[in-house]
């Protein structure tokens, strides 16, 4: 991660909530998740495939003695696969009291944006259905897609995996 960037809004209200987000890229699209669920960001490590796992599960990794599943956001969003590079990262997040790795093309930065710069999502954006999107933030001339992690994996096979819970 490079730096922390704060985005100011012209119509900022005194009681406006500031969102702290970790932003990452999948292709040319910029996505973000709440920083409070991010546990770690690591460089790509060897991923061991798991037989009969859902299509979007890349496999598992050993992170400091803990075995974690790794979900490919590209596969989850039905995006074309690309070659992994030295910018590819695994964002380790807390999801339902469990640590899960999420494979992304690159991690951009930590952002602080006023909540009033976030709007409801249109029905489909960047190939991702609106039900998976918490909102869309406007940063200068760019759009930042805020993911709803609870809905994104609430009804999927990820919850069926045997994952260690956070002690």
N, C-alpha and C. Protein backbone atom coordinates (compact mmCIF):
# COMPACT_ATOMS: atom_id res chain seq x y z
N UNK A 1 0.85 -1.17 0.00
CA UNK A 1 0.00 0.00 0.00
C UNK A 1 0.88 1.23 0.00
N UNK A 2 0.44 2.19 -0.75
CA UNK A 2 1.29 3.36 -0.90
C UNK A 2 1.09 4.37 0.21
N UNK A 3 -0.08 4.91 0.33
CA UNK A 3 -0.28 6.02 1.25
C UNK A 3 -1.74 6.10 1.64
N UNK A 4 -2.03 6.96 2.58
CA UNK A 4 -3.41 7.23 2.95
C UNK A 4 -3.83 8.50 2.24
N UNK A 5 -4.98 8.43 1.57
CA UNK A 5 -5.47 9.58 0.82
C UNK A 5 -6.81 9.99 1.42
N UNK A 6 -6.98 11.28 1.65
CA UNK A 6 -8.25 11.78 2.16
C UNK A 6 -8.93 12.58 1.07
N UNK A 7 -10.18 12.26 0.83
CA UNK A 7 -10.96 12.93 -0.19
C UNK A 7 -11.91 13.89 0.50
N UNK A 8 -11.86 15.15 0.14
CA UNK A 8 -12.75 16.14 0.73
C UNK A 8 -13.93 16.39 -0.20
N UNK A 9 -15.05 16.67 0.38
CA UNK A 9 -16.25 16.97 -0.38
C UNK A 9 -16.62 18.43 -0.18
N UNK A 10 -17.09 19.07 -1.25
CA UNK A 10 -17.49 20.48 -1.16
C UNK A 10 -18.69 20.69 -0.25
N UNK A 11 -19.59 19.72 -0.23
CA UNK A 11 -20.80 19.85 0.58
C UNK A 11 -20.71 19.01 1.85
N UNK A 12 -19.57 19.01 2.48
CA UNK A 12 -19.33 18.19 3.67
C UNK A 12 -20.14 18.72 4.85
N UNK A 13 -20.90 17.82 5.46
CA UNK A 13 -21.68 18.17 6.63
C UNK A 13 -20.82 17.92 7.86
N UNK A 14 -21.01 18.70 8.94
CA UNK A 14 -20.19 18.54 10.12
C UNK A 14 -20.28 17.15 10.74
N UNK A 15 -21.45 16.51 10.66
CA UNK A 15 -21.59 15.20 11.28
C UNK A 15 -21.41 14.07 10.27
N UNK A 16 -20.90 14.36 9.09
CA UNK A 16 -20.73 13.37 8.05
C UNK A 16 -19.69 12.32 8.47
N UNK A 17 -20.05 11.07 8.33
CA UNK A 17 -19.18 9.97 8.69
C UNK A 17 -18.06 9.80 7.66
N UNK A 18 -16.85 9.53 8.13
CA UNK A 18 -15.72 9.26 7.24
C UNK A 18 -15.56 7.74 7.12
N UNK A 19 -15.52 7.25 5.90
CA UNK A 19 -15.31 5.83 5.64
C UNK A 19 -13.83 5.59 5.42
N UNK A 20 -13.28 4.58 6.06
CA UNK A 20 -11.90 4.18 5.83
C UNK A 20 -11.92 2.87 5.06
N UNK A 21 -11.30 2.88 3.90
CA UNK A 21 -11.40 1.77 2.97
C UNK A 21 -10.03 1.33 2.47
N UNK A 22 -9.92 0.06 2.14
CA UNK A 22 -8.76 -0.46 1.43
C UNK A 22 -9.21 -0.64 -0.01
N UNK A 23 -8.51 0.01 -0.94
CA UNK A 23 -8.89 -0.09 -2.35
C UNK A 23 -7.96 -1.04 -3.07
N UNK A 24 -8.53 -1.73 -4.05
CA UNK A 24 -7.77 -2.70 -4.84
C UNK A 24 -8.32 -2.74 -6.25
N UNK A 25 -7.53 -3.29 -7.15
CA UNK A 25 -7.93 -3.35 -8.56
C UNK A 25 -8.17 -4.77 -9.01
N UNK A 26 -9.16 -4.88 -9.87
CA UNK A 26 -9.40 -6.07 -10.67
C UNK A 26 -9.51 -5.55 -12.09
N UNK A 27 -8.49 -5.78 -12.88
CA UNK A 27 -8.45 -5.19 -14.22
C UNK A 27 -8.35 -3.68 -14.08
N UNK A 28 -9.20 -2.97 -14.79
CA UNK A 28 -9.17 -1.51 -14.75
C UNK A 28 -10.11 -0.94 -13.69
N UNK A 29 -10.90 -1.80 -13.05
CA UNK A 29 -11.88 -1.34 -12.07
C UNK A 29 -11.27 -1.26 -10.68
N UNK A 30 -11.68 -0.22 -9.94
CA UNK A 30 -11.21 0.01 -8.58
C UNK A 30 -12.33 -0.39 -7.61
N UNK A 31 -12.02 -1.28 -6.69
CA UNK A 31 -12.96 -1.75 -5.69
C UNK A 31 -12.44 -1.37 -4.31
N UNK A 32 -13.30 -1.45 -3.29
CA UNK A 32 -12.87 -1.15 -1.93
C UNK A 32 -13.70 -1.95 -0.94
N UNK A 33 -13.08 -2.20 0.22
CA UNK A 33 -13.76 -2.82 1.35
C UNK A 33 -13.42 -2.03 2.60
N UNK A 34 -14.26 -2.15 3.59
CA UNK A 34 -14.05 -1.47 4.87
C UNK A 34 -12.75 -1.94 5.49
N UNK A 35 -11.93 -1.02 5.92
CA UNK A 35 -10.62 -1.36 6.50
C UNK A 35 -10.75 -2.19 7.77
N UNK A 36 -11.89 -2.09 8.46
CA UNK A 36 -12.06 -2.82 9.71
C UNK A 36 -12.11 -4.33 9.53
N UNK A 37 -12.43 -4.81 8.33
CA UNK A 37 -12.47 -6.26 8.12
C UNK A 37 -11.16 -6.79 7.53
N UNK A 38 -10.23 -5.88 7.18
CA UNK A 38 -8.96 -6.30 6.61
C UNK A 38 -7.99 -6.63 7.74
N UNK A 39 -7.49 -7.86 7.73
CA UNK A 39 -6.56 -8.32 8.75
C UNK A 39 -5.11 -8.19 8.29
N UNK A 40 -4.87 -8.40 7.00
CA UNK A 40 -3.52 -8.41 6.48
C UNK A 40 -3.57 -8.30 4.96
N UNK A 41 -2.48 -7.83 4.38
CA UNK A 41 -2.31 -7.82 2.93
C UNK A 41 -0.96 -8.45 2.67
N UNK A 42 -0.96 -9.54 1.91
CA UNK A 42 0.29 -10.27 1.70
C UNK A 42 0.58 -10.44 0.21
N UNK A 43 1.85 -10.61 -0.08
CA UNK A 43 2.26 -10.94 -1.45
C UNK A 43 1.76 -12.33 -1.77
N UNK A 44 1.70 -12.63 -3.05
CA UNK A 44 1.25 -13.93 -3.51
C UNK A 44 2.18 -15.02 -2.99
N UNK A 45 1.61 -16.05 -2.41
CA UNK A 45 2.35 -17.22 -1.93
C UNK A 45 1.76 -18.43 -2.66
N UNK A 46 2.46 -19.56 -2.62
CA UNK A 46 1.90 -20.74 -3.28
C UNK A 46 0.52 -21.10 -2.71
N UNK A 47 -0.40 -21.35 -3.62
CA UNK A 47 -1.78 -21.72 -3.25
C UNK A 47 -1.99 -23.18 -3.61
N UNK A 48 -2.41 -23.97 -2.64
CA UNK A 48 -2.66 -25.39 -2.86
C UNK A 48 -4.11 -25.59 -3.28
N UNK A 49 -4.34 -26.15 -4.48
CA UNK A 49 -5.73 -26.39 -4.92
C UNK A 49 -6.45 -27.36 -3.99
N UNK A 50 -7.76 -27.20 -3.89
CA UNK A 50 -8.59 -28.08 -3.07
C UNK A 50 -9.57 -28.79 -4.00
N UNK A 51 -9.52 -30.13 -4.04
CA UNK A 51 -10.43 -30.86 -4.92
C UNK A 51 -11.89 -30.61 -4.55
N UNK A 52 -12.73 -30.52 -5.55
CA UNK A 52 -14.18 -30.38 -5.40
C UNK A 52 -14.60 -29.08 -4.70
N UNK A 53 -13.74 -28.09 -4.68
CA UNK A 53 -14.09 -26.79 -4.09
C UNK A 53 -14.92 -26.00 -5.09
N UNK A 54 -15.69 -25.03 -4.63
CA UNK A 54 -16.43 -24.16 -5.57
C UNK A 54 -15.47 -23.52 -6.56
N UNK A 55 -15.97 -23.16 -7.74
CA UNK A 55 -15.11 -22.67 -8.83
C UNK A 55 -14.30 -21.43 -8.45
N UNK A 56 -14.79 -20.61 -7.54
CA UNK A 56 -14.10 -19.36 -7.20
C UNK A 56 -13.08 -19.52 -6.08
N UNK A 57 -12.93 -20.73 -5.53
CA UNK A 57 -11.93 -20.99 -4.50
C UNK A 57 -10.63 -21.39 -5.21
N UNK A 58 -9.60 -20.55 -5.06
CA UNK A 58 -8.31 -20.86 -5.67
C UNK A 58 -7.65 -22.04 -4.97
N UNK A 59 -7.85 -22.14 -3.67
CA UNK A 59 -7.24 -23.19 -2.88
C UNK A 59 -7.01 -22.69 -1.47
N UNK A 60 -5.97 -23.20 -0.82
CA UNK A 60 -5.66 -22.80 0.55
C UNK A 60 -4.19 -22.40 0.64
N UNK A 61 -3.90 -21.56 1.64
CA UNK A 61 -2.52 -21.15 1.92
C UNK A 61 -2.23 -21.39 3.40
N UNK A 62 -0.95 -21.44 3.71
CA UNK A 62 -0.50 -21.52 5.10
C UNK A 62 0.00 -20.14 5.47
N UNK A 63 -0.73 -19.45 6.32
CA UNK A 63 -0.34 -18.11 6.76
C UNK A 63 0.04 -18.19 8.24
N UNK A 64 1.33 -18.18 8.48
CA UNK A 64 1.85 -18.23 9.85
C UNK A 64 1.22 -19.36 10.67
N UNK A 65 1.15 -20.54 10.06
CA UNK A 65 0.64 -21.72 10.76
C UNK A 65 -0.86 -21.91 10.67
N UNK A 66 -1.57 -21.00 10.05
CA UNK A 66 -3.03 -21.14 9.89
C UNK A 66 -3.34 -21.44 8.44
N UNK A 67 -4.21 -22.39 8.22
CA UNK A 67 -4.63 -22.74 6.86
C UNK A 67 -5.85 -21.90 6.52
N UNK A 68 -5.73 -21.10 5.44
CA UNK A 68 -6.82 -20.20 5.04
C UNK A 68 -7.26 -20.50 3.61
N UNK A 69 -8.56 -20.49 3.35
CA UNK A 69 -9.02 -20.58 1.96
C UNK A 69 -8.73 -19.26 1.24
N UNK A 70 -8.51 -19.35 -0.06
CA UNK A 70 -8.28 -18.16 -0.87
C UNK A 70 -9.34 -18.13 -1.96
N UNK A 71 -10.09 -17.03 -1.97
CA UNK A 71 -11.15 -16.81 -2.95
C UNK A 71 -10.62 -15.89 -4.04
N UNK A 72 -10.87 -16.24 -5.29
CA UNK A 72 -10.51 -15.37 -6.40
C UNK A 72 -11.68 -14.44 -6.69
N UNK A 73 -11.47 -13.13 -6.47
CA UNK A 73 -12.54 -12.18 -6.81
C UNK A 73 -12.84 -12.24 -8.30
N UNK A 74 -11.82 -12.44 -9.14
CA UNK A 74 -12.05 -12.52 -10.59
C UNK A 74 -13.01 -13.65 -10.91
N UNK A 75 -12.77 -14.82 -10.34
CA UNK A 75 -13.65 -15.96 -10.61
C UNK A 75 -15.03 -15.73 -10.00
N UNK A 76 -15.09 -15.14 -8.81
CA UNK A 76 -16.37 -14.89 -8.15
C UNK A 76 -17.24 -13.95 -8.97
N UNK A 77 -16.60 -12.98 -9.65
CA UNK A 77 -17.33 -12.03 -10.47
C UNK A 77 -17.40 -12.46 -11.94
N UNK A 78 -16.97 -13.68 -12.23
CA UNK A 78 -16.98 -14.21 -13.59
C UNK A 78 -16.20 -13.32 -14.56
N UNK A 79 -15.07 -12.82 -14.09
CA UNK A 79 -14.19 -12.01 -14.93
C UNK A 79 -13.16 -12.94 -15.56
N UNK A 80 -12.62 -12.57 -16.72
CA UNK A 80 -11.59 -13.42 -17.32
C UNK A 80 -10.35 -13.51 -16.44
N UNK A 81 -9.74 -14.68 -16.44
CA UNK A 81 -8.52 -14.85 -15.65
C UNK A 81 -7.36 -14.15 -16.36
N UNK A 82 -6.43 -13.65 -15.57
CA UNK A 82 -5.22 -13.02 -16.11
C UNK A 82 -4.01 -13.64 -15.41
N UNK A 83 -2.87 -13.44 -16.01
CA UNK A 83 -1.64 -13.94 -15.41
C UNK A 83 -1.34 -13.16 -14.14
N UNK A 84 -0.94 -13.88 -13.10
CA UNK A 84 -0.58 -13.21 -11.85
C UNK A 84 0.77 -12.54 -12.01
N UNK A 85 0.92 -11.37 -11.38
CA UNK A 85 2.14 -10.59 -11.50
C UNK A 85 2.73 -10.33 -10.13
N UNK A 86 3.81 -9.55 -10.09
CA UNK A 86 4.39 -9.20 -8.80
C UNK A 86 3.52 -8.19 -8.04
N UNK A 87 2.46 -7.69 -8.68
CA UNK A 87 1.50 -6.79 -8.02
C UNK A 87 0.32 -7.55 -7.41
N UNK A 88 0.15 -8.82 -7.78
CA UNK A 88 -0.96 -9.63 -7.26
C UNK A 88 -0.83 -9.75 -5.75
N UNK A 89 -1.93 -9.58 -5.05
CA UNK A 89 -1.93 -9.64 -3.59
C UNK A 89 -3.07 -10.52 -3.09
N UNK A 90 -2.92 -10.96 -1.86
CA UNK A 90 -3.99 -11.65 -1.14
C UNK A 90 -4.36 -10.75 0.02
N UNK A 91 -5.62 -10.31 0.03
CA UNK A 91 -6.12 -9.51 1.14
C UNK A 91 -6.78 -10.48 2.12
N UNK A 92 -6.24 -10.56 3.32
CA UNK A 92 -6.80 -11.45 4.33
C UNK A 92 -7.82 -10.66 5.11
N UNK A 93 -9.06 -11.14 5.06
CA UNK A 93 -10.16 -10.43 5.72
C UNK A 93 -10.85 -11.34 6.73
N UNK A 94 -11.47 -10.68 7.69
CA UNK A 94 -12.30 -11.40 8.66
C UNK A 94 -13.70 -11.45 8.07
N UNK A 95 -14.18 -12.66 7.86
CA UNK A 95 -15.52 -12.85 7.33
C UNK A 95 -16.21 -13.90 8.19
N UNK A 96 -17.29 -13.52 8.84
CA UNK A 96 -18.03 -14.39 9.76
C UNK A 96 -17.09 -15.06 10.77
N UNK A 97 -16.27 -14.25 11.44
CA UNK A 97 -15.33 -14.69 12.46
C UNK A 97 -14.29 -15.68 11.95
N UNK A 98 -14.04 -15.67 10.65
CA UNK A 98 -13.04 -16.53 10.06
C UNK A 98 -12.12 -15.69 9.19
N UNK A 99 -10.87 -16.13 9.06
CA UNK A 99 -9.94 -15.46 8.16
C UNK A 99 -10.02 -16.11 6.80
N UNK A 100 -10.18 -15.28 5.77
CA UNK A 100 -10.28 -15.75 4.39
C UNK A 100 -9.40 -14.84 3.55
N UNK A 101 -8.63 -15.44 2.63
CA UNK A 101 -7.82 -14.66 1.71
C UNK A 101 -8.59 -14.38 0.44
N UNK A 102 -8.43 -13.18 -0.09
CA UNK A 102 -9.09 -12.80 -1.34
C UNK A 102 -8.02 -12.36 -2.33
N UNK A 103 -7.96 -13.03 -3.46
CA UNK A 103 -6.96 -12.77 -4.47
C UNK A 103 -7.39 -11.59 -5.33
N UNK A 104 -6.51 -10.57 -5.43
CA UNK A 104 -6.80 -9.37 -6.24
C UNK A 104 -5.60 -9.08 -7.13
N UNK A 105 -5.83 -8.29 -8.18
CA UNK A 105 -4.75 -7.96 -9.11
C UNK A 105 -3.69 -7.08 -8.45
N UNK A 106 -4.13 -6.11 -7.66
CA UNK A 106 -3.20 -5.24 -6.93
C UNK A 106 -3.96 -4.50 -5.84
N UNK A 107 -3.24 -4.07 -4.82
CA UNK A 107 -3.82 -3.24 -3.77
C UNK A 107 -3.35 -1.82 -4.03
N UNK A 108 -4.29 -0.88 -4.00
CA UNK A 108 -3.97 0.50 -4.34
C UNK A 108 -3.53 1.30 -3.13
N UNK A 109 -4.45 1.55 -2.20
CA UNK A 109 -4.14 2.40 -1.06
C UNK A 109 -5.25 2.35 -0.03
N UNK A 110 -5.00 3.02 1.08
CA UNK A 110 -6.03 3.21 2.10
C UNK A 110 -6.64 4.57 1.84
N UNK A 111 -7.97 4.62 1.79
CA UNK A 111 -8.68 5.87 1.51
C UNK A 111 -9.55 6.26 2.69
N UNK A 112 -9.72 7.54 2.85
CA UNK A 112 -10.68 8.11 3.81
C UNK A 112 -11.60 9.00 2.99
N UNK A 113 -12.88 8.58 2.88
CA UNK A 113 -13.82 9.38 2.09
C UNK A 113 -15.07 9.68 2.91
N UNK A 114 -15.64 10.85 2.72
CA UNK A 114 -16.90 11.16 3.40
C UNK A 114 -18.01 10.26 2.87
N UNK A 115 -18.87 9.80 3.76
CA UNK A 115 -19.95 8.91 3.34
C UNK A 115 -20.91 9.58 2.37
N UNK A 116 -20.98 10.93 2.39
CA UNK A 116 -21.91 11.59 1.46
C UNK A 116 -21.39 11.62 0.03
N UNK A 117 -20.18 11.09 -0.22
CA UNK A 117 -19.69 10.97 -1.59
C UNK A 117 -20.02 9.61 -2.18
N UNK A 118 -20.68 8.75 -1.39
CA UNK A 118 -21.05 7.41 -1.82
C UNK A 118 -22.53 7.40 -2.21
N UNK A 119 -22.81 6.88 -3.40
CA UNK A 119 -24.19 6.79 -3.89
C UNK A 119 -24.58 5.33 -4.05
N UNK A 120 -25.88 5.10 -4.15
CA UNK A 120 -26.37 3.75 -4.41
C UNK A 120 -25.86 3.28 -5.76
N UNK A 121 -25.71 1.97 -5.87
CA UNK A 121 -25.17 1.40 -7.10
C UNK A 121 -26.24 1.25 -8.16
N UNK A 122 -25.87 1.45 -9.43
CA UNK A 122 -26.79 1.13 -10.52
C UNK A 122 -26.96 -0.39 -10.58
N UNK A 123 -27.95 -0.90 -11.35
CA UNK A 123 -28.22 -2.34 -11.36
C UNK A 123 -27.00 -3.22 -11.64
N UNK A 124 -26.14 -2.82 -12.57
CA UNK A 124 -24.93 -3.58 -12.86
C UNK A 124 -23.80 -2.60 -13.12
N UNK A 125 -22.68 -2.84 -12.47
CA UNK A 125 -21.51 -1.99 -12.70
C UNK A 125 -20.28 -2.90 -12.70
N UNK A 126 -19.42 -2.72 -13.68
CA UNK A 126 -18.18 -3.50 -13.82
C UNK A 126 -18.46 -5.00 -13.85
N UNK A 127 -19.63 -5.39 -14.35
CA UNK A 127 -19.97 -6.80 -14.42
C UNK A 127 -20.38 -7.41 -13.10
N UNK A 128 -20.50 -6.59 -12.06
CA UNK A 128 -20.87 -7.06 -10.73
C UNK A 128 -22.30 -6.60 -10.47
N UNK A 129 -23.17 -7.51 -10.04
CA UNK A 129 -24.55 -7.16 -9.75
C UNK A 129 -24.67 -6.20 -8.59
N UNK A 130 -25.69 -5.36 -8.62
CA UNK A 130 -25.90 -4.33 -7.60
C UNK A 130 -26.06 -4.93 -6.20
N UNK A 131 -26.54 -6.15 -6.11
CA UNK A 131 -26.71 -6.76 -4.79
C UNK A 131 -25.37 -6.98 -4.08
N UNK A 132 -24.28 -7.03 -4.83
CA UNK A 132 -22.95 -7.23 -4.25
C UNK A 132 -22.28 -5.90 -3.90
N UNK A 133 -22.90 -4.81 -4.28
CA UNK A 133 -22.27 -3.50 -4.13
C UNK A 133 -22.96 -2.69 -3.05
N UNK A 134 -22.18 -2.21 -2.10
CA UNK A 134 -22.71 -1.38 -1.03
C UNK A 134 -22.95 0.04 -1.52
N UNK A 135 -22.15 0.48 -2.47
CA UNK A 135 -22.29 1.82 -3.02
C UNK A 135 -21.15 2.11 -3.98
N UNK A 136 -21.23 3.28 -4.59
CA UNK A 136 -20.19 3.72 -5.51
C UNK A 136 -19.71 5.09 -5.04
N UNK A 137 -18.42 5.17 -4.74
CA UNK A 137 -17.83 6.43 -4.31
C UNK A 137 -17.28 7.20 -5.49
N UNK A 138 -17.44 8.50 -5.45
CA UNK A 138 -16.91 9.36 -6.52
C UNK A 138 -15.65 10.03 -5.98
N UNK A 139 -14.54 9.76 -6.64
CA UNK A 139 -13.26 10.34 -6.27
C UNK A 139 -12.71 11.03 -7.51
N UNK A 140 -12.74 12.36 -7.49
CA UNK A 140 -12.37 13.14 -8.67
C UNK A 140 -13.21 12.65 -9.85
N UNK A 141 -12.57 12.16 -10.91
CA UNK A 141 -13.30 11.67 -12.07
C UNK A 141 -13.42 10.15 -12.08
N UNK A 142 -13.01 9.50 -11.01
CA UNK A 142 -13.01 8.05 -10.94
C UNK A 142 -14.13 7.54 -10.04
N UNK A 143 -14.53 6.30 -10.28
CA UNK A 143 -15.53 5.64 -9.45
C UNK A 143 -14.87 4.54 -8.65
N UNK A 144 -15.28 4.40 -7.41
CA UNK A 144 -14.77 3.38 -6.50
C UNK A 144 -15.94 2.52 -6.08
N UNK A 145 -15.88 1.23 -6.39
CA UNK A 145 -16.97 0.31 -6.11
C UNK A 145 -16.78 -0.29 -4.72
N UNK A 146 -17.68 0.03 -3.79
CA UNK A 146 -17.61 -0.49 -2.43
C UNK A 146 -18.37 -1.81 -2.36
N UNK A 147 -17.65 -2.87 -2.02
CA UNK A 147 -18.25 -4.20 -2.01
C UNK A 147 -18.98 -4.48 -0.70
N UNK A 148 -20.10 -5.18 -0.80
CA UNK A 148 -20.86 -5.64 0.35
C UNK A 148 -20.42 -7.07 0.61
N UNK A 149 -19.41 -7.23 1.45
CA UNK A 149 -18.84 -8.56 1.69
C UNK A 149 -19.83 -9.52 2.33
N UNK A 150 -20.73 -9.03 3.16
CA UNK A 150 -21.71 -9.92 3.79
C UNK A 150 -22.61 -10.56 2.75
N UNK A 151 -23.09 -9.79 1.80
CA UNK A 151 -23.98 -10.35 0.79
C UNK A 151 -23.20 -11.15 -0.24
N UNK A 152 -22.01 -10.70 -0.53
CA UNK A 152 -21.21 -11.34 -1.58
C UNK A 152 -21.01 -12.82 -1.34
N UNK A 153 -20.85 -13.21 -0.09
CA UNK A 153 -20.60 -14.61 0.21
C UNK A 153 -21.60 -15.21 1.17
N UNK A 154 -22.74 -14.57 1.36
CA UNK A 154 -23.71 -15.06 2.34
C UNK A 154 -24.37 -16.36 1.92
N UNK A 155 -24.62 -16.54 0.64
CA UNK A 155 -25.34 -17.73 0.19
C UNK A 155 -24.47 -18.63 -0.68
N UNK A 156 -23.19 -18.70 -0.39
CA UNK A 156 -22.31 -19.49 -1.24
C UNK A 156 -21.68 -20.63 -0.48
N UNK A 157 -20.92 -21.40 -1.23
CA UNK A 157 -20.25 -22.56 -0.66
C UNK A 157 -19.09 -22.19 0.25
N UNK A 158 -18.68 -20.93 0.31
CA UNK A 158 -17.58 -20.54 1.19
C UNK A 158 -17.94 -20.89 2.62
N UNK A 159 -19.19 -20.66 3.00
CA UNK A 159 -19.60 -20.93 4.37
C UNK A 159 -19.57 -22.43 4.69
N UNK A 160 -19.54 -23.28 3.67
CA UNK A 160 -19.50 -24.70 3.89
C UNK A 160 -18.08 -25.23 4.08
N UNK A 161 -17.09 -24.40 3.78
CA UNK A 161 -15.70 -24.84 3.93
C UNK A 161 -15.34 -24.93 5.40
N UNK A 162 -14.47 -25.83 5.71
CA UNK A 162 -13.99 -25.97 7.09
C UNK A 162 -12.86 -24.99 7.31
N UNK A 163 -13.17 -23.80 7.84
CA UNK A 163 -12.18 -22.77 8.04
C UNK A 163 -11.98 -22.55 9.53
N UNK A 164 -10.73 -22.29 9.93
CA UNK A 164 -10.51 -22.02 11.36
C UNK A 164 -11.14 -20.69 11.75
N UNK A 165 -11.74 -20.65 12.92
CA UNK A 165 -12.30 -19.39 13.40
C UNK A 165 -11.22 -18.62 14.14
N UNK A 166 -11.47 -17.32 14.28
CA UNK A 166 -10.52 -16.45 14.97
C UNK A 166 -10.63 -16.70 16.45
N UNK A 167 -9.52 -16.93 17.08
CA UNK A 167 -9.53 -17.22 18.53
C UNK A 167 -9.56 -15.93 19.31
